[in-house]
Amino acid sequence: MPKVGGVARRATLIKDERAAGDAVLVVDAGDSLIGDMEPAMSTKGASSVEAMNRMGYDAALLGPADLSLGPELLKQRIAESQFPFLSADMTIAATGAAVAEGLVVREVGGRRVAIAGISGAPEINGFKAADPLRTAQRVAQDASGKAEALILLSHAAPEINERIADEVPGISAIVEGGALPRAEPWISAKTGTPIYHVDWPSSGHAGRLMGVATLRLDEGKLLSEWWRSVPLDPNIKDDPELAAWAQQQPR
């Protein structure tokens, strides 16, 4: 989670998008809890959850770095959140229980939209991983009976996400996490599913950019899409409430 300016500017951008229309989802593609910056590291993700609560996130993926907190601490962070953390492919190795919800449904702009998550993490720190492609096929089938559209949050490798986009129908868009950025959206030539990524591979990169995707859908079919990557620089004013809260956090 970013420092004061990043959090406060992110809140401003989210408020602006919501003010512009009622069909807005705010999601995170993983590794947002501890990152490599304060106060997230010293609070072990508690400050990140609180910031996301205050900004009204709709869902967030559990990425590999988030899972490094371990089952017990991760359970505590999930309990503190006012939004669902997602992971359809990870279970607790000792019990076989799901780490988090795999899919949730939100109503936006009069449409039911499913959001699913694939952590794409190795089998580390007390967790067991399922195959991401098979998991994507499973959640797409599950979503088809529950919602008109499916947004997949994925921290799998880029080539795996491209296979998912090519081979799994019914996914409206993939929001991708990880340290390998894409300068532009990748669009599947087979299904038309776009992959969006907003990141860059450098220390302290988390939260310096925010992606905004505009999707036009009709009965689950993606008619058009538009994407922009927004730098959270001083051109965006700090949200006063988030700025005041962030100033009080440990550094």
Protein backbone atom coordinates (compact mmCIF):
# COMPACT_ATOMS: atom_id res chain seq x y z
CA MET A 1 0.00 0.00 0.00
CA PRO A 2 1.47 3.39 -0.97
CA LYS A 3 2.57 6.25 1.25
CA VAL A 4 0.36 9.21 2.19
CA GLY A 5 0.21 10.85 -1.24
CA GLY A 6 -0.53 7.61 -3.09
CA VAL A 7 -3.35 6.57 -0.78
CA ALA A 8 -4.95 10.02 -0.73
CA ARG A 9 -4.69 10.43 -4.50
CA ARG A 10 -6.06 6.96 -5.08
CA ALA A 11 -9.08 7.87 -2.95
CA THR A 12 -9.63 11.01 -5.04
CA LEU A 13 -9.50 9.07 -8.32
CA ILE A 14 -11.94 6.46 -7.00
CA LYS A 15 -14.38 9.15 -5.82
CA ASP A 16 -14.13 10.92 -9.19
CA GLU A 17 -14.90 7.71 -11.11
CA ARG A 18 -17.85 6.93 -8.88
CA ALA A 19 -19.18 10.45 -9.26
CA ALA A 20 -19.01 10.08 -13.05
CA GLY A 21 -21.17 6.92 -13.15
CA ASP A 22 -22.88 4.27 -11.04
CA ALA A 23 -21.38 1.21 -12.74
CA VAL A 24 -17.97 1.26 -11.05
CA LEU A 25 -16.05 -1.64 -9.51
CA VAL A 26 -12.85 -1.08 -7.53
CA VAL A 27 -10.61 -4.15 -7.42
CA ASP A 28 -7.02 -5.06 -6.64
CA ALA A 29 -4.96 -7.77 -8.40
CA GLY A 30 -2.98 -8.90 -5.37
CA ASP A 31 0.13 -8.32 -3.23
CA SER A 32 -1.46 -5.23 -1.72
CA LEU A 33 -1.21 -6.13 1.96
CA ILE A 34 2.45 -5.91 2.92
CA GLY A 35 4.45 -4.88 -0.18
CA ASP A 36 7.78 -3.19 0.52
CA MET A 37 6.66 0.07 2.12
CA GLU A 38 5.57 1.40 5.50
CA PRO A 39 3.21 1.29 7.28
CA ALA A 40 2.10 -1.91 5.56
CA MET A 41 5.19 -3.87 6.60
CA SER A 42 5.19 -2.98 10.30
CA THR A 43 1.40 -3.46 10.63
CA LYS A 44 1.57 -6.75 8.68
CA GLY A 45 -1.10 -5.55 6.29
CA ALA A 46 -3.58 -4.15 8.82
CA SER A 47 -3.07 -0.58 7.60
CA SER A 48 -3.55 -1.71 3.99
CA VAL A 49 -6.87 -3.34 4.83
CA GLU A 50 -8.03 -0.24 6.68
CA ALA A 51 -7.08 2.02 3.75
CA MET A 52 -8.95 -0.21 1.30
CA ASN A 53 -11.96 -0.29 3.63
CA ARG A 54 -11.99 3.50 3.67
CA MET A 55 -11.80 3.66 -0.13
CA GLY A 56 -14.65 1.17 -0.53
CA TYR A 57 -12.98 -1.60 -2.49
CA ASP A 58 -15.31 -4.19 -4.00
CA ALA A 59 -12.83 -7.10 -4.01
CA ALA A 60 -9.13 -7.89 -3.82
CA LEU A 61 -7.06 -10.88 -4.87
CA LEU A 62 -4.71 -12.63 -2.45
CA GLY A 63 -1.35 -12.58 -4.21
CA PRO A 64 1.75 -14.63 -3.31
CA ALA A 65 3.16 -11.88 -1.06
CA ASP A 66 -0.16 -11.65 0.77
CA LEU A 67 -0.13 -15.42 1.32
CA SER A 68 3.35 -15.15 2.85
CA LEU A 69 1.63 -13.82 5.98
CA GLY A 70 0.56 -17.41 6.69
CA PRO A 71 -2.88 -18.93 7.33
CA GLU A 72 -3.54 -17.50 10.80
CA LEU A 73 -2.50 -13.90 10.18
CA LEU A 74 -4.19 -13.91 6.80
CA LYS A 75 -7.40 -15.08 8.43
CA GLN A 76 -7.18 -12.08 10.74
CA ARG A 77 -6.67 -9.63 7.85
CA ILE A 78 -9.64 -11.11 6.00
CA ALA A 79 -11.80 -10.72 9.10
CA GLU A 80 -10.84 -7.04 9.31
CA SER A 81 -11.83 -6.29 5.72
CA GLN A 82 -15.21 -4.91 4.67
CA PHE A 83 -14.77 -6.36 1.17
CA PRO A 84 -14.02 -9.94 0.04
CA PHE A 85 -10.50 -11.19 -0.49
CA LEU A 86 -10.50 -13.79 -3.27
CA SER A 87 -8.54 -16.92 -4.13
CA ALA A 88 -10.17 -19.77 -6.03
CA ASP A 89 -6.99 -21.83 -6.41
CA MET A 90 -5.45 -21.85 -2.91
CA THR A 91 -6.34 -24.08 0.02
CA ILE A 92 -4.81 -24.55 3.46
CA ALA A 93 -2.50 -27.54 3.14
CA ALA A 94 -3.20 -28.95 6.60
CA THR A 95 -6.99 -28.99 6.30
CA GLY A 96 -7.90 -28.61 2.64
CA ALA A 97 -10.12 -25.65 3.53
CA ALA A 98 -10.41 -22.73 1.14
CA VAL A 99 -8.19 -19.77 1.97
CA ALA A 100 -10.86 -17.30 0.87
CA GLU A 101 -13.90 -17.01 -1.35
CA GLY A 102 -13.21 -17.90 -4.95
CA LEU A 103 -15.95 -15.80 -6.53
CA VAL A 104 -18.34 -13.06 -5.51
CA VAL A 105 -21.16 -11.33 -7.38
CA ARG A 106 -21.74 -7.59 -7.30
CA GLU A 107 -24.60 -5.60 -8.85
CA VAL A 108 -23.32 -2.55 -10.73
CA GLY A 109 -25.35 -0.37 -13.04
CA GLY A 110 -28.23 -2.82 -12.90
CA ARG A 111 -26.03 -5.77 -13.96
CA ARG A 112 -24.79 -8.73 -11.97
CA VAL A 113 -21.01 -8.97 -12.34
CA ALA A 114 -18.96 -11.83 -10.94
CA ILE A 115 -15.42 -11.23 -9.68
CA ALA A 116 -13.12 -14.23 -9.24
CA GLY A 117 -9.51 -14.56 -8.12
CA ILE A 118 -6.54 -16.79 -9.00
CA SER A 119 -3.53 -16.31 -6.73
CA GLY A 120 -1.10 -18.22 -8.94
CA ALA A 121 1.18 -18.82 -5.95
CA PRO A 122 3.57 -21.72 -5.37
CA GLU A 123 2.82 -24.22 -2.62
CA ILE A 124 4.47 -22.31 0.20
CA ASN A 125 3.83 -21.28 3.77
CA GLY A 126 1.09 -23.76 4.58
CA PHE A 127 -0.92 -23.41 1.37
CA LYS A 128 -1.64 -25.77 -1.51
CA ALA A 129 -2.20 -24.54 -5.06
CA ALA A 130 -4.55 -25.85 -7.75
CA ASP A 131 -3.88 -25.59 -11.48
CA PRO A 132 -4.72 -21.99 -12.53
CA LEU A 133 -6.11 -22.91 -15.97
CA ARG A 134 -8.43 -25.55 -14.56
CA THR A 135 -9.43 -23.16 -11.79
CA ALA A 136 -10.31 -20.49 -14.37
CA GLN A 137 -12.46 -22.99 -16.25
CA ARG A 138 -14.25 -23.89 -13.03
CA VAL A 139 -14.99 -20.32 -11.93
CA ALA A 140 -16.11 -19.32 -15.43
CA GLN A 141 -18.63 -22.15 -15.41
CA ASP A 142 -19.76 -21.20 -11.92
CA ALA A 143 -20.14 -17.54 -12.86
CA SER A 144 -22.19 -18.30 -15.98
CA GLY A 145 -25.20 -19.22 -13.90
CA LYS A 146 -24.87 -16.35 -11.47
CA ALA A 147 -23.88 -13.23 -13.39
CA GLU A 148 -23.91 -11.53 -16.78
CA ALA A 149 -20.17 -10.86 -16.78
CA LEU A 150 -17.00 -12.14 -15.13
CA ILE A 151 -13.93 -10.15 -14.12
CA LEU A 152 -10.97 -12.39 -13.28
CA LEU A 153 -8.24 -11.10 -10.98
CA SER A 154 -5.09 -13.15 -11.59
CA HIS A 155 -1.56 -13.27 -10.23
CA ALA A 156 -0.61 -16.22 -12.42
CA ALA A 157 2.30 -15.89 -14.84
CA PRO A 158 1.61 -13.74 -17.93
CA GLU A 159 1.75 -16.70 -20.31
CA ILE A 160 -0.79 -18.57 -18.17
CA ASN A 161 -3.13 -15.59 -18.16
CA GLU A 162 -2.87 -15.46 -21.95
CA ARG A 163 -3.81 -19.16 -22.13
CA ILE A 164 -6.77 -18.49 -19.85
CA ALA A 165 -7.88 -15.59 -22.07
CA ASP A 166 -7.52 -17.77 -25.19
CA GLU A 167 -9.03 -20.99 -23.87
CA VAL A 168 -11.67 -20.05 -21.30
CA PRO A 169 -14.81 -18.44 -22.73
CA GLY A 170 -17.06 -16.23 -20.65
CA ILE A 171 -14.40 -13.99 -19.10
CA SER A 172 -15.11 -10.32 -19.77
CA ALA A 173 -11.65 -9.12 -18.68
CA ILE A 174 -8.59 -10.25 -16.74
CA VAL A 175 -6.95 -7.82 -14.31
CA GLU A 176 -3.39 -9.06 -13.89
CA GLY A 177 -0.97 -8.62 -11.02
CA GLY A 178 2.74 -9.34 -10.79
CA ALA A 179 6.05 -7.65 -11.49
CA LEU A 180 6.10 -8.00 -15.29
CA PRO A 181 4.20 -5.02 -16.70
CA ARG A 182 2.32 -4.68 -19.98
CA ALA A 183 2.55 -1.27 -21.57
CA GLU A 184 -0.77 -1.86 -23.32
CA PRO A 185 -3.67 -4.27 -22.78
CA TRP A 186 -3.22 -7.72 -24.32
CA ILE A 187 -6.32 -8.79 -26.28
CA SER A 188 -6.96 -12.46 -27.07
CA ALA A 189 -7.36 -12.99 -30.81
CA LYS A 190 -9.51 -16.05 -30.06
CA THR A 191 -12.00 -14.77 -27.49
CA GLY A 192 -11.48 -11.01 -27.44
CA THR A 193 -10.79 -11.13 -23.69
CA PRO A 194 -8.50 -8.26 -22.63
CA ILE A 195 -5.74 -8.54 -20.03
CA TYR A 196 -5.01 -5.34 -18.10
CA HIS A 197 -1.90 -4.82 -16.01
CA VAL A 198 -0.83 -1.75 -14.05
CA ASP A 199 2.52 -2.21 -12.35
CA TRP A 200 6.24 -1.92 -12.89
CA PRO A 201 9.16 -4.02 -11.61
CA SER A 202 10.93 -1.71 -9.18
CA SER A 203 11.22 -1.37 -5.42
CA GLY A 204 8.44 0.73 -3.94
CA HIS A 205 6.37 0.57 -7.14
CA ALA A 206 3.11 -0.44 -5.47
CA GLY A 207 0.39 2.15 -5.71
CA ARG A 208 2.14 4.60 -8.05
CA LEU A 209 -0.30 3.82 -10.85
CA MET A 210 -3.98 3.00 -11.02
CA GLY A 211 -5.71 1.46 -14.01
CA VAL A 212 -9.16 2.47 -15.22
CA ALA A 213 -10.99 0.12 -17.60
CA THR A 214 -14.26 0.95 -19.31
CA LEU A 215 -16.16 -2.11 -20.53
CA ARG A 216 -19.30 -2.07 -22.67
CA LEU A 217 -21.23 -5.31 -22.33
CA ASP A 218 -24.41 -6.81 -23.74
CA GLU A 219 -25.74 -10.04 -22.20
CA GLY A 220 -22.23 -10.97 -21.13
CA LYS A 221 -20.63 -10.25 -24.50
CA LEU A 222 -17.87 -7.64 -24.51
CA LEU A 223 -18.75 -5.10 -27.19
CA SER A 224 -15.91 -2.65 -26.57
CA GLU A 225 -13.24 -1.82 -24.03
CA TRP A 226 -11.03 1.13 -23.19
CA TRP A 227 -8.12 1.28 -20.75
CA ARG A 228 -5.97 3.99 -19.27
CA SER A 229 -3.16 3.89 -16.72
CA VAL A 230 -3.27 6.85 -14.36
CA PRO A 231 -0.12 8.02 -12.51
CA LEU A 232 -0.95 8.95 -8.93
CA ASP A 233 1.18 12.08 -9.11
CA PRO A 234 0.59 15.59 -7.69
CA ASN A 235 -1.74 16.39 -10.60
CA ILE A 236 -4.34 14.45 -8.58
CA LYS A 237 -5.29 16.23 -5.38
CA ASP A 238 -5.09 14.42 -2.06
CA ASP A 239 -8.39 13.33 -0.57
CA PRO A 240 -8.46 15.21 2.77
CA GLU A 241 -9.90 12.36 4.84
CA LEU A 242 -7.47 9.73 3.56
CA ALA A 243 -4.55 12.14 3.81
CA ALA A 244 -5.37 12.88 7.46
CA TRP A 245 -5.70 9.17 8.24
CA ALA A 246 -2.46 8.27 6.45
CA GLN A 247 -0.53 10.97 8.33
CA GLN A 248 -1.40 9.22 11.59
CA GLN A 249 0.02 5.85 10.50
CA PRO A 250 3.46 4.60 11.64
CA ARG A 251 6.35 5.26 9.25
